[in-house]
Every structure is written in C-alpha cells, then in structure tokens.
Amino acid sequence: MRHPDDPAAPPVHTPQDRYGDSDPQIAYFRVYFALMRINRTLMPPIEAALRAQGIADPVWYEILLAAEEAGENGVQMLDLQRRLFLPQYTVSRHIARMQKAGLVQRKAASGKGRGQTVFVTDAARGVHEQVWKEYSRQVRAALETKLDTQSAYALLDMLNRLYP
C-alpha cells in the first residue's frame, strides 16, 4: 500500500504484511510461539548455572525467596501457588524435592483446613542471595545486548498485561 498523498512514496507495510499473514488473528499465535521459543532459548544456560549452585529448577529460587521473605511465619503453599502461577501438585513436587535437598521444611498450617506452611531451613538461609548473583548475571547476559533498559521496561509493561 502506498501513501495516499504521495504515489511516489515507498510502500507502507503493516506488521501483518511484513509477516505475510492474510488473517490478522495469526498475530496472537505468533506472539505465543515466540514467547515459548524465547523461553526455550534463554532457560538452558540459566538452568545449568543454577544447577551448579544446587538449585535444580529456577522455581526453587522463587520458593526460597518467598519462604525467606515470609520470615518465621513461613509461606503458605496456597500463596506459593498464586505467586508462581503453578498448580498445587507442581508446587508440592518442588517442595518435596527441596525438602530432600535440605533447603525447606513444611509443616501443617494451624487453623482450619489442611494447608501447609513452608519454611526455609537454617542451612538454606541466605542461599537465595548467593543464587541471585549468578541468576542475575545469566539473565543480564541473555538480554542486555538485545534490549536497553527503556525497551526492557516497555516489554515488561506489555507482558504484564498478559497476566490473568
């Protein structure tokens, strides 16, 4: 399509044209698959660096952080599910593995219901701070050559709109 006021102007292309999509609804699928590929591209080196520090899965860092932030009261399993956007069985599986690794302990929550509370062990206290040093180094290495901070915040704003 050419600019209507200047027929000699170069063609104006929409993103839909650029990708050759006859149906603009395809854009949503392109976004979804791009996010999936980006995750699969970025995660392997990050996961390897964390495993070298005894963190078998990146979500373990988030659990340790939540448990440490909660202090002596611990963090409820239900709160972890909501914070991590993970189903109960996945959180339970991670907690069981972390218990086996000596990083957390869980206890039945007091009061009504059968909830559980997760506490960071003495041995794991502060581990999230050590892990964060490597985690942040890996993330920066993966992204800072591709995005300046302004672009990173703009992308963050867009991605945050995708949360339920």
N, C-alpha and C. Protein backbone atom coordinates (compact mmCIF):
# COMPACT_ATOMS: atom_id res chain seq x y z
N MET A 1 0.85 -1.16 0.00
CA MET A 1 0.00 0.00 0.00
C MET A 1 0.90 1.23 0.00
N ARG A 2 0.59 2.18 -0.87
CA ARG A 2 1.36 3.42 -0.95
C ARG A 2 0.65 4.52 -0.17
N HIS A 3 1.42 5.47 0.28
CA HIS A 3 0.85 6.62 0.99
C HIS A 3 -0.09 7.35 0.04
N PRO A 4 -1.34 7.63 0.45
CA PRO A 4 -2.33 8.22 -0.47
C PRO A 4 -1.96 9.62 -0.96
N ASP A 5 -1.19 10.39 -0.20
CA ASP A 5 -0.84 11.75 -0.61
C ASP A 5 0.38 11.79 -1.54
N ASP A 6 1.10 10.71 -1.63
CA ASP A 6 2.33 10.71 -2.44
C ASP A 6 2.48 9.35 -3.12
N PRO A 7 1.99 9.20 -4.33
CA PRO A 7 2.06 7.91 -5.02
C PRO A 7 3.49 7.46 -5.27
N ALA A 8 4.46 8.38 -5.25
CA ALA A 8 5.85 8.01 -5.48
C ALA A 8 6.52 7.52 -4.19
N ALA A 9 5.85 7.71 -3.07
CA ALA A 9 6.43 7.29 -1.78
C ALA A 9 6.55 5.77 -1.74
N PRO A 10 7.54 5.27 -1.00
CA PRO A 10 7.67 3.81 -0.89
C PRO A 10 6.44 3.20 -0.23
N PRO A 11 6.19 1.94 -0.48
CA PRO A 11 5.02 1.28 0.12
C PRO A 11 5.08 1.31 1.65
N VAL A 12 3.93 1.47 2.26
CA VAL A 12 3.80 1.40 3.71
C VAL A 12 3.38 -0.02 4.05
N HIS A 13 4.14 -0.67 4.89
CA HIS A 13 3.84 -2.05 5.24
C HIS A 13 3.38 -2.14 6.69
N THR A 14 2.34 -2.87 6.90
CA THR A 14 1.88 -3.15 8.26
C THR A 14 2.61 -4.38 8.76
N PRO A 15 2.63 -4.57 10.06
CA PRO A 15 3.24 -5.82 10.57
C PRO A 15 2.60 -7.06 9.95
N GLN A 16 1.31 -7.01 9.72
CA GLN A 16 0.62 -8.14 9.09
C GLN A 16 1.22 -8.41 7.71
N ASP A 17 1.47 -7.35 6.95
CA ASP A 17 2.10 -7.51 5.63
C ASP A 17 3.51 -8.06 5.77
N ARG A 18 4.24 -7.53 6.74
CA ARG A 18 5.63 -7.93 6.93
C ARG A 18 5.75 -9.43 7.18
N TYR A 19 4.78 -10.00 7.89
CA TYR A 19 4.82 -11.43 8.18
C TYR A 19 4.07 -12.27 7.15
N GLY A 20 3.43 -11.60 6.20
CA GLY A 20 2.73 -12.33 5.15
C GLY A 20 1.46 -13.01 5.64
N ASP A 21 0.82 -12.45 6.65
CA ASP A 21 -0.38 -13.05 7.22
C ASP A 21 -1.63 -12.51 6.53
N SER A 22 -2.43 -13.41 5.98
CA SER A 22 -3.69 -12.98 5.38
C SER A 22 -4.74 -12.71 6.46
N ASP A 23 -4.58 -13.35 7.62
CA ASP A 23 -5.51 -13.19 8.74
C ASP A 23 -4.78 -12.51 9.89
N PRO A 24 -5.21 -11.32 10.33
CA PRO A 24 -4.51 -10.63 11.42
C PRO A 24 -4.57 -11.38 12.74
N GLN A 25 -5.51 -12.30 12.89
CA GLN A 25 -5.60 -13.07 14.14
C GLN A 25 -4.39 -13.97 14.35
N ILE A 26 -3.65 -14.24 13.31
CA ILE A 26 -2.43 -15.06 13.40
C ILE A 26 -1.41 -14.39 14.32
N ALA A 27 -1.50 -13.07 14.46
CA ALA A 27 -0.55 -12.34 15.32
C ALA A 27 -0.52 -12.92 16.73
N TYR A 28 -1.67 -13.31 17.27
CA TYR A 28 -1.72 -13.86 18.63
C TYR A 28 -0.93 -15.16 18.73
N PHE A 29 -1.04 -15.98 17.69
CA PHE A 29 -0.30 -17.24 17.69
C PHE A 29 1.19 -16.99 17.54
N ARG A 30 1.54 -16.00 16.73
CA ARG A 30 2.96 -15.65 16.56
C ARG A 30 3.56 -15.21 17.90
N VAL A 31 2.81 -14.40 18.65
CA VAL A 31 3.28 -13.96 19.97
C VAL A 31 3.47 -15.16 20.89
N TYR A 32 2.47 -16.02 20.94
CA TYR A 32 2.54 -17.18 21.82
C TYR A 32 3.76 -18.05 21.51
N PHE A 33 3.94 -18.40 20.25
CA PHE A 33 5.06 -19.27 19.89
C PHE A 33 6.40 -18.56 20.04
N ALA A 34 6.44 -17.25 19.83
CA ALA A 34 7.68 -16.51 20.06
C ALA A 34 8.05 -16.55 21.54
N LEU A 35 7.07 -16.37 22.42
CA LEU A 35 7.34 -16.44 23.86
C LEU A 35 7.86 -17.83 24.26
N MET A 36 7.26 -18.86 23.69
CA MET A 36 7.70 -20.23 24.00
C MET A 36 9.13 -20.46 23.53
N ARG A 37 9.46 -20.01 22.31
CA ARG A 37 10.82 -20.19 21.78
C ARG A 37 11.83 -19.39 22.58
N ILE A 38 11.46 -18.18 22.97
CA ILE A 38 12.37 -17.36 23.78
C ILE A 38 12.66 -18.07 25.10
N ASN A 39 11.64 -18.60 25.73
CA ASN A 39 11.84 -19.34 26.98
C ASN A 39 12.77 -20.53 26.77
N ARG A 40 12.54 -21.29 25.71
CA ARG A 40 13.39 -22.47 25.45
C ARG A 40 14.82 -22.07 25.10
N THR A 41 15.01 -20.88 24.55
CA THR A 41 16.34 -20.40 24.21
C THR A 41 17.09 -19.88 25.44
N LEU A 42 16.40 -19.11 26.27
CA LEU A 42 17.06 -18.46 27.40
C LEU A 42 17.30 -19.40 28.59
N MET A 43 16.42 -20.35 28.81
CA MET A 43 16.47 -21.13 30.04
C MET A 43 17.62 -22.13 30.17
N PRO A 44 18.04 -22.85 29.15
CA PRO A 44 19.08 -23.86 29.38
C PRO A 44 20.36 -23.33 30.04
N PRO A 45 20.97 -22.23 29.59
CA PRO A 45 22.17 -21.78 30.29
C PRO A 45 21.88 -21.27 31.70
N ILE A 46 20.72 -20.67 31.90
CA ILE A 46 20.35 -20.21 33.24
C ILE A 46 20.16 -21.41 34.16
N GLU A 47 19.44 -22.42 33.69
CA GLU A 47 19.21 -23.63 34.49
C GLU A 47 20.53 -24.31 34.83
N ALA A 48 21.45 -24.39 33.87
CA ALA A 48 22.75 -25.03 34.13
C ALA A 48 23.52 -24.27 35.20
N ALA A 49 23.52 -22.95 35.13
CA ALA A 49 24.23 -22.15 36.13
C ALA A 49 23.61 -22.33 37.51
N LEU A 50 22.30 -22.42 37.59
CA LEU A 50 21.64 -22.60 38.88
C LEU A 50 21.88 -24.01 39.43
N ARG A 51 21.85 -25.01 38.54
CA ARG A 51 22.13 -26.39 38.99
C ARG A 51 23.52 -26.47 39.61
N ALA A 52 24.47 -25.74 39.05
CA ALA A 52 25.84 -25.74 39.59
C ALA A 52 25.85 -25.18 41.01
N GLN A 53 24.82 -24.44 41.38
CA GLN A 53 24.71 -23.88 42.73
C GLN A 53 23.75 -24.69 43.61
N GLY A 54 23.32 -25.86 43.13
CA GLY A 54 22.44 -26.71 43.93
C GLY A 54 20.96 -26.40 43.79
N ILE A 55 20.60 -25.59 42.81
CA ILE A 55 19.20 -25.24 42.58
C ILE A 55 18.76 -26.00 41.33
N ALA A 56 17.98 -27.06 41.53
CA ALA A 56 17.63 -27.97 40.43
C ALA A 56 16.66 -27.36 39.42
N ASP A 57 15.94 -26.33 39.82
CA ASP A 57 14.95 -25.72 38.93
C ASP A 57 14.87 -24.24 39.29
N PRO A 58 14.76 -23.35 38.32
CA PRO A 58 14.67 -21.92 38.65
C PRO A 58 13.54 -21.56 39.60
N VAL A 59 12.46 -22.33 39.60
CA VAL A 59 11.36 -22.04 40.51
C VAL A 59 11.80 -22.22 41.96
N TRP A 60 12.83 -23.02 42.20
CA TRP A 60 13.34 -23.19 43.56
C TRP A 60 13.82 -21.86 44.12
N TYR A 61 14.45 -21.06 43.28
CA TYR A 61 14.90 -19.75 43.73
C TYR A 61 13.70 -18.93 44.21
N GLU A 62 12.62 -18.95 43.43
CA GLU A 62 11.43 -18.18 43.79
C GLU A 62 10.80 -18.69 45.09
N ILE A 63 10.83 -19.99 45.30
CA ILE A 63 10.29 -20.56 46.54
C ILE A 63 11.16 -20.16 47.72
N LEU A 64 12.48 -20.27 47.56
CA LEU A 64 13.39 -19.86 48.64
C LEU A 64 13.19 -18.39 48.99
N LEU A 65 13.09 -17.56 47.98
CA LEU A 65 12.89 -16.13 48.20
C LEU A 65 11.59 -15.88 48.97
N ALA A 66 10.50 -16.51 48.54
CA ALA A 66 9.21 -16.33 49.20
C ALA A 66 9.25 -16.81 50.64
N ALA A 67 9.88 -17.96 50.87
CA ALA A 67 9.96 -18.51 52.23
C ALA A 67 10.82 -17.62 53.12
N GLU A 68 11.90 -17.11 52.57
CA GLU A 68 12.77 -16.25 53.38
C GLU A 68 12.10 -14.90 53.65
N GLU A 69 11.42 -14.35 52.66
CA GLU A 69 10.71 -13.08 52.86
C GLU A 69 9.61 -13.22 53.91
N ALA A 70 9.00 -14.41 53.99
CA ALA A 70 7.92 -14.64 54.96
C ALA A 70 8.45 -14.72 56.38
N GLY A 71 9.73 -14.96 56.54
CA GLY A 71 10.33 -15.00 57.88
C GLY A 71 9.89 -16.18 58.70
N GLU A 72 9.80 -15.95 59.99
CA GLU A 72 9.49 -17.06 60.91
C GLU A 72 8.08 -17.60 60.75
N ASN A 73 7.20 -16.86 60.07
CA ASN A 73 5.84 -17.33 59.84
C ASN A 73 5.74 -18.29 58.67
N GLY A 74 6.76 -18.35 57.84
CA GLY A 74 6.73 -19.20 56.67
C GLY A 74 5.74 -18.71 55.64
N VAL A 75 5.69 -19.41 54.53
CA VAL A 75 4.77 -19.04 53.45
C VAL A 75 3.81 -20.19 53.20
N GLN A 76 2.55 -19.87 53.06
CA GLN A 76 1.53 -20.88 52.81
C GLN A 76 1.70 -21.45 51.41
N MET A 77 1.46 -22.75 51.28
CA MET A 77 1.54 -23.40 49.97
C MET A 77 0.59 -22.73 48.97
N LEU A 78 -0.60 -22.37 49.42
CA LEU A 78 -1.57 -21.73 48.54
C LEU A 78 -1.03 -20.39 48.03
N ASP A 79 -0.34 -19.65 48.89
CA ASP A 79 0.27 -18.39 48.46
C ASP A 79 1.36 -18.63 47.42
N LEU A 80 2.12 -19.71 47.58
CA LEU A 80 3.14 -20.05 46.58
C LEU A 80 2.49 -20.36 45.24
N GLN A 81 1.41 -21.12 45.26
CA GLN A 81 0.70 -21.45 44.02
C GLN A 81 0.29 -20.17 43.29
N ARG A 82 -0.27 -19.23 44.03
CA ARG A 82 -0.73 -17.98 43.42
C ARG A 82 0.44 -17.14 42.93
N ARG A 83 1.48 -17.07 43.71
CA ARG A 83 2.64 -16.23 43.37
C ARG A 83 3.37 -16.77 42.14
N LEU A 84 3.46 -18.09 42.05
CA LEU A 84 4.23 -18.73 40.99
C LEU A 84 3.39 -19.11 39.77
N PHE A 85 2.07 -18.97 39.87
CA PHE A 85 1.16 -19.38 38.79
C PHE A 85 1.39 -20.85 38.43
N LEU A 86 1.48 -21.68 39.48
CA LEU A 86 1.68 -23.11 39.30
C LEU A 86 0.57 -23.88 40.00
N PRO A 87 0.20 -25.03 39.46
CA PRO A 87 -0.82 -25.84 40.14
C PRO A 87 -0.27 -26.44 41.43
N GLN A 88 -1.17 -26.83 42.30
CA GLN A 88 -0.82 -27.37 43.62
C GLN A 88 0.13 -28.54 43.52
N TYR A 89 -0.13 -29.48 42.61
CA TYR A 89 0.71 -30.67 42.54
C TYR A 89 2.14 -30.32 42.13
N THR A 90 2.32 -29.30 41.30
CA THR A 90 3.66 -28.91 40.88
C THR A 90 4.40 -28.26 42.05
N VAL A 91 3.73 -27.39 42.78
CA VAL A 91 4.36 -26.76 43.94
C VAL A 91 4.73 -27.84 44.96
N SER A 92 3.83 -28.77 45.20
CA SER A 92 4.10 -29.86 46.16
C SER A 92 5.31 -30.69 45.74
N ARG A 93 5.41 -30.98 44.45
CA ARG A 93 6.54 -31.76 43.94
C ARG A 93 7.85 -31.00 44.16
N HIS A 94 7.86 -29.70 43.86
CA HIS A 94 9.07 -28.90 44.08
C HIS A 94 9.43 -28.85 45.56
N ILE A 95 8.45 -28.64 46.40
CA ILE A 95 8.70 -28.56 47.85
C ILE A 95 9.27 -29.89 48.36
N ALA A 96 8.72 -31.01 47.90
CA ALA A 96 9.23 -32.32 48.33
C ALA A 96 10.70 -32.49 47.93
N ARG A 97 11.04 -32.09 46.74
CA ARG A 97 12.44 -32.19 46.29
C ARG A 97 13.34 -31.23 47.05
N MET A 98 12.83 -30.06 47.34
CA MET A 98 13.62 -29.09 48.10
C MET A 98 13.82 -29.55 49.54
N GLN A 99 12.81 -30.21 50.09
CA GLN A 99 12.95 -30.79 51.43
C GLN A 99 14.06 -31.83 51.43
N LYS A 100 14.03 -32.69 50.43
CA LYS A 100 15.04 -33.75 50.31
C LYS A 100 16.44 -33.15 50.19
N ALA A 101 16.54 -31.98 49.54
CA ALA A 101 17.83 -31.30 49.38
C ALA A 101 18.21 -30.49 50.62
N GLY A 102 17.32 -30.45 51.63
CA GLY A 102 17.62 -29.74 52.87
C GLY A 102 17.42 -28.22 52.79
N LEU A 103 16.67 -27.77 51.81
CA LEU A 103 16.50 -26.32 51.62
C LEU A 103 15.29 -25.76 52.35
N VAL A 104 14.22 -26.55 52.43
CA VAL A 104 13.00 -26.08 53.09
C VAL A 104 12.44 -27.21 53.95
N GLN A 105 11.53 -26.80 54.82
CA GLN A 105 10.73 -27.77 55.56
C GLN A 105 9.29 -27.30 55.49
N ARG A 106 8.37 -28.23 55.62
CA ARG A 106 6.96 -27.84 55.61
C ARG A 106 6.28 -28.43 56.82
N LYS A 107 5.31 -27.67 57.28
CA LYS A 107 4.54 -28.08 58.45
C LYS A 107 3.07 -27.81 58.16
N ALA A 108 2.22 -28.59 58.81
CA ALA A 108 0.78 -28.34 58.67
C ALA A 108 0.47 -26.96 59.21
N ALA A 109 -0.32 -26.22 58.48
CA ALA A 109 -0.71 -24.88 58.90
C ALA A 109 -1.69 -24.98 60.05
N SER A 110 -1.61 -24.04 60.96
CA SER A 110 -2.55 -24.04 62.08
C SER A 110 -3.88 -23.48 61.61
N GLY A 111 -4.93 -23.83 62.30
CA GLY A 111 -6.26 -23.33 61.97
C GLY A 111 -7.04 -24.31 61.11
N LYS A 112 -8.12 -23.79 60.55
CA LYS A 112 -9.00 -24.62 59.74
C LYS A 112 -8.32 -25.00 58.43
N GLY A 113 -8.75 -26.11 57.91
CA GLY A 113 -8.21 -26.57 56.62
C GLY A 113 -6.97 -27.42 56.81
N ARG A 114 -6.48 -27.92 55.71
CA ARG A 114 -5.31 -28.80 55.77
C ARG A 114 -4.13 -28.19 55.03
N GLY A 115 -4.03 -26.90 55.04
CA GLY A 115 -2.94 -26.23 54.34
C GLY A 115 -1.59 -26.52 54.99
N GLN A 116 -0.56 -26.20 54.26
CA GLN A 116 0.79 -26.38 54.76
C GLN A 116 1.56 -25.07 54.62
N THR A 117 2.52 -24.93 55.52
CA THR A 117 3.38 -23.75 55.52
C THR A 117 4.80 -24.20 55.24
N VAL A 118 5.51 -23.43 54.40
CA VAL A 118 6.87 -23.76 54.00
C VAL A 118 7.82 -22.77 54.68
N PHE A 119 8.89 -23.33 55.23
CA PHE A 119 9.92 -22.53 55.91
C PHE A 119 11.27 -22.84 55.30
N VAL A 120 12.10 -21.83 55.19
CA VAL A 120 13.47 -22.05 54.73
C VAL A 120 14.24 -22.66 55.91
N THR A 121 15.10 -23.62 55.63
CA THR A 121 15.90 -24.24 56.69
C THR A 121 17.04 -23.31 57.07
N ASP A 122 17.62 -23.55 58.25
CA ASP A 122 18.78 -22.76 58.67
C ASP A 122 19.91 -22.90 57.67
N ALA A 123 20.09 -24.12 57.16
CA ALA A 123 21.17 -24.37 56.19
C ALA A 123 20.98 -23.59 54.90
N ALA A 124 19.72 -23.29 54.55
CA ALA A 124 19.45 -22.61 53.28
C ALA A 124 19.22 -21.11 53.44
N ARG A 125 19.25 -20.64 54.67
CA ARG A 125 19.02 -19.21 54.89
C ARG A 125 20.10 -18.40 54.16
N GLY A 126 19.67 -17.47 53.33
CA GLY A 126 20.60 -16.64 52.57
C GLY A 126 21.04 -17.23 51.25
N VAL A 127 20.68 -18.48 50.98
CA VAL A 127 21.07 -19.13 49.72
C VAL A 127 20.51 -18.36 48.53
N HIS A 128 19.28 -17.85 48.67
CA HIS A 128 18.68 -17.12 47.54
C HIS A 128 19.53 -15.91 47.15
N GLU A 129 20.21 -15.30 48.13
CA GLU A 129 21.07 -14.15 47.81
C GLU A 129 22.29 -14.58 47.00
N GLN A 130 22.87 -15.71 47.37
CA GLN A 130 24.01 -16.24 46.61
C GLN A 130 23.58 -16.64 45.20
N VAL A 131 22.44 -17.31 45.12
CA VAL A 131 21.93 -17.76 43.83
C VAL A 131 21.59 -16.57 42.95
N TRP A 132 21.03 -15.52 43.57
CA TRP A 132 20.63 -14.35 42.79
C TRP A 132 21.81 -13.75 42.02
N LYS A 133 22.99 -13.76 42.61
CA LYS A 133 24.16 -13.20 41.93
C LYS A 133 24.39 -13.88 40.58
N GLU A 134 24.31 -15.20 40.56
CA GLU A 134 24.51 -15.93 39.31
C GLU A 134 23.28 -15.82 38.41
N TYR A 135 22.10 -15.91 39.00
CA TYR A 135 20.86 -15.81 38.23
C TYR A 135 20.83 -14.47 37.49
N SER A 136 21.08 -13.38 38.20
CA SER A 136 21.02 -12.06 37.58
C SER A 136 22.10 -11.90 36.53
N ARG A 137 23.27 -12.47 36.76
CA ARG A 137 24.35 -12.39 35.77
C ARG A 137 23.92 -13.10 34.48
N GLN A 138 23.32 -14.26 34.61
CA GLN A 138 22.86 -15.03 33.45
C GLN A 138 21.76 -14.30 32.68
N VAL A 139 20.81 -13.74 33.40
CA VAL A 139 19.70 -13.05 32.75
C VAL A 139 20.22 -11.81 32.02
N ARG A 140 21.07 -11.06 32.69
CA ARG A 140 21.64 -9.87 32.03
C ARG A 140 22.43 -10.26 30.78
N ALA A 141 23.21 -11.32 30.86
CA ALA A 141 23.99 -11.76 29.70
C ALA A 141 23.07 -12.13 28.54
N ALA A 142 21.92 -12.70 28.85
CA ALA A 142 20.99 -13.13 27.80
C ALA A 142 20.23 -11.96 27.18
N LEU A 143 19.99 -10.90 27.95
CA LEU A 143 19.08 -9.86 27.47
C LEU A 143 19.70 -8.49 27.22
N GLU A 144 20.73 -8.13 27.97
CA GLU A 144 21.17 -6.73 27.88
C GLU A 144 21.80 -6.35 26.55
N THR A 145 22.24 -7.32 25.77
CA THR A 145 22.77 -6.99 24.44
C THR A 145 21.64 -6.83 23.41
N LYS A 146 20.44 -7.25 23.80
CA LYS A 146 19.30 -7.20 22.87
C LYS A 146 18.32 -6.08 23.21
N LEU A 147 18.30 -5.65 24.46
CA LEU A 147 17.34 -4.63 24.91
C LEU A 147 18.05 -3.60 25.77
N ASP A 148 17.77 -2.32 25.53
CA ASP A 148 18.23 -1.33 26.50
C ASP A 148 17.20 -1.31 27.63
N THR A 149 17.48 -0.61 28.71
CA THR A 149 16.57 -0.66 29.87
C THR A 149 15.20 -0.09 29.54
N GLN A 150 15.14 0.95 28.72
CA GLN A 150 13.85 1.53 28.35
C GLN A 150 13.01 0.51 27.58
N SER A 151 13.63 -0.20 26.64
CA SER A 151 12.92 -1.23 25.88
C SER A 151 12.52 -2.38 26.80
N ALA A 152 13.37 -2.71 27.76
CA ALA A 152 13.04 -3.79 28.71
C ALA A 152 11.80 -3.43 29.51
N TYR A 153 11.72 -2.19 30.00
CA TYR A 153 10.53 -1.77 30.74
C TYR A 153 9.29 -1.73 29.85
N ALA A 154 9.44 -1.31 28.61
CA ALA A 154 8.30 -1.29 27.69
C ALA A 154 7.80 -2.71 27.44
N LEU A 155 8.72 -3.64 27.23
CA LEU A 155 8.34 -5.04 27.03
C LEU A 155 7.69 -5.60 28.29
N LEU A 156 8.26 -5.26 29.45
CA LEU A 156 7.68 -5.71 30.72
C LEU A 156 6.24 -5.23 30.85
N ASP A 157 6.00 -3.97 30.53
CA ASP A 157 4.63 -3.44 30.60
C ASP A 157 3.70 -4.24 29.70
N MET A 158 4.15 -4.55 28.50
CA MET A 158 3.31 -5.32 27.58
C MET A 158 3.07 -6.73 28.12
N LEU A 159 4.11 -7.38 28.59
CA LEU A 159 3.98 -8.75 29.08
C LEU A 159 3.11 -8.81 30.33
N ASN A 160 3.22 -7.82 31.20
CA ASN A 160 2.39 -7.81 32.41
C ASN A 160 0.91 -7.74 32.09
N ARG A 161 0.56 -7.20 30.94
CA ARG A 161 -0.85 -7.16 30.55
C ARG A 161 -1.38 -8.55 30.23
N LEU A 162 -0.49 -9.52 30.03
CA LEU A 162 -0.93 -10.87 29.69
C LEU A 162 -1.31 -11.71 30.92
N TYR A 163 -0.94 -11.24 32.12
CA TYR A 163 -1.31 -11.99 33.32
C TYR A 163 -2.82 -11.97 33.49
N PRO A 164 -3.35 -13.06 34.05
CA PRO A 164 -4.81 -13.10 34.25
C PRO A 164 -5.27 -12.09 35.29
